[in-house]
């Protein structure tokens, strides 16, 4: 599950921009709540962020 990429400095146009629909179960997810986001991985591995060295 990977929502569209948002660049640094992104600001929401409205409160609704913080939510997405889970592609697996169809529930609405508040993306500001990490616990809620992790709940909706439904067993998929967590993708790591690229690291610059």
Protein backbone atom coordinates (compact mmCIF):
# COMPACT_ATOMS: atom_id res chain seq x y z
CA UNK A 1 0.00 0.00 0.00
CA UNK A 2 1.69 3.17 -1.12
CA UNK A 3 -0.27 6.41 -1.40
CA UNK A 4 0.77 8.99 -3.94
CA UNK A 5 4.09 10.54 -3.02
CA UNK A 6 3.99 13.88 -1.21
CA UNK A 7 7.07 16.06 -1.27
CA UNK A 8 8.61 17.77 1.75
CA UNK A 9 6.81 21.00 2.50
CA UNK A 10 3.47 19.61 1.28
CA UNK A 11 0.50 21.26 2.95
CA UNK A 12 -3.03 19.87 2.88
CA UNK A 13 -5.69 21.86 1.04
CA UNK A 14 -8.29 20.54 3.51
CA UNK A 15 -8.71 18.13 6.43
CA UNK A 16 -9.78 15.47 3.91
CA UNK A 17 -6.24 15.38 2.46
CA UNK A 18 -5.07 13.52 5.60
CA UNK A 19 -7.26 10.50 4.80
CA UNK A 20 -7.09 7.65 2.31
CA UNK A 21 -9.10 4.50 1.65
CA UNK A 22 -7.35 1.21 2.46
CA UNK A 23 -7.03 -0.71 -0.84
CA UNK A 24 -7.39 -4.02 1.02
CA UNK A 25 -10.40 -3.55 3.32
CA UNK A 26 -11.93 -0.30 2.07
CA UNK A 27 -11.85 1.45 5.47
CA UNK A 28 -10.90 5.10 5.74
CA UNK A 29 -7.43 5.70 7.27
CA UNK A 30 -6.15 8.84 9.00
CA UNK A 31 -2.58 8.93 7.69
CA UNK A 32 -1.45 11.15 10.59
CA UNK A 33 -1.92 8.17 12.94
CA UNK A 34 0.98 5.74 12.44
CA UNK A 35 -0.76 3.02 14.47
CA UNK A 36 -3.80 3.21 12.22
CA UNK A 37 -1.64 3.11 9.09
CA UNK A 38 0.33 0.08 10.34
CA UNK A 39 -2.93 -1.71 11.18
CA UNK A 40 -3.91 -1.46 7.53
CA UNK A 41 -0.79 -3.13 6.16
CA UNK A 42 -2.70 -6.43 6.53
CA UNK A 43 0.47 -8.51 6.84
CA UNK A 44 2.44 -6.79 4.07
CA UNK A 45 6.06 -5.92 4.94
CA UNK A 46 6.87 -2.31 5.80
CA UNK A 47 8.71 -0.57 2.97
CA UNK A 48 11.90 1.14 4.10
CA UNK A 49 12.73 4.72 3.27
CA UNK A 50 15.75 5.22 1.03
CA UNK A 51 18.80 6.27 3.04
CA UNK A 52 21.49 8.61 1.79
CA UNK A 53 25.02 8.02 3.04
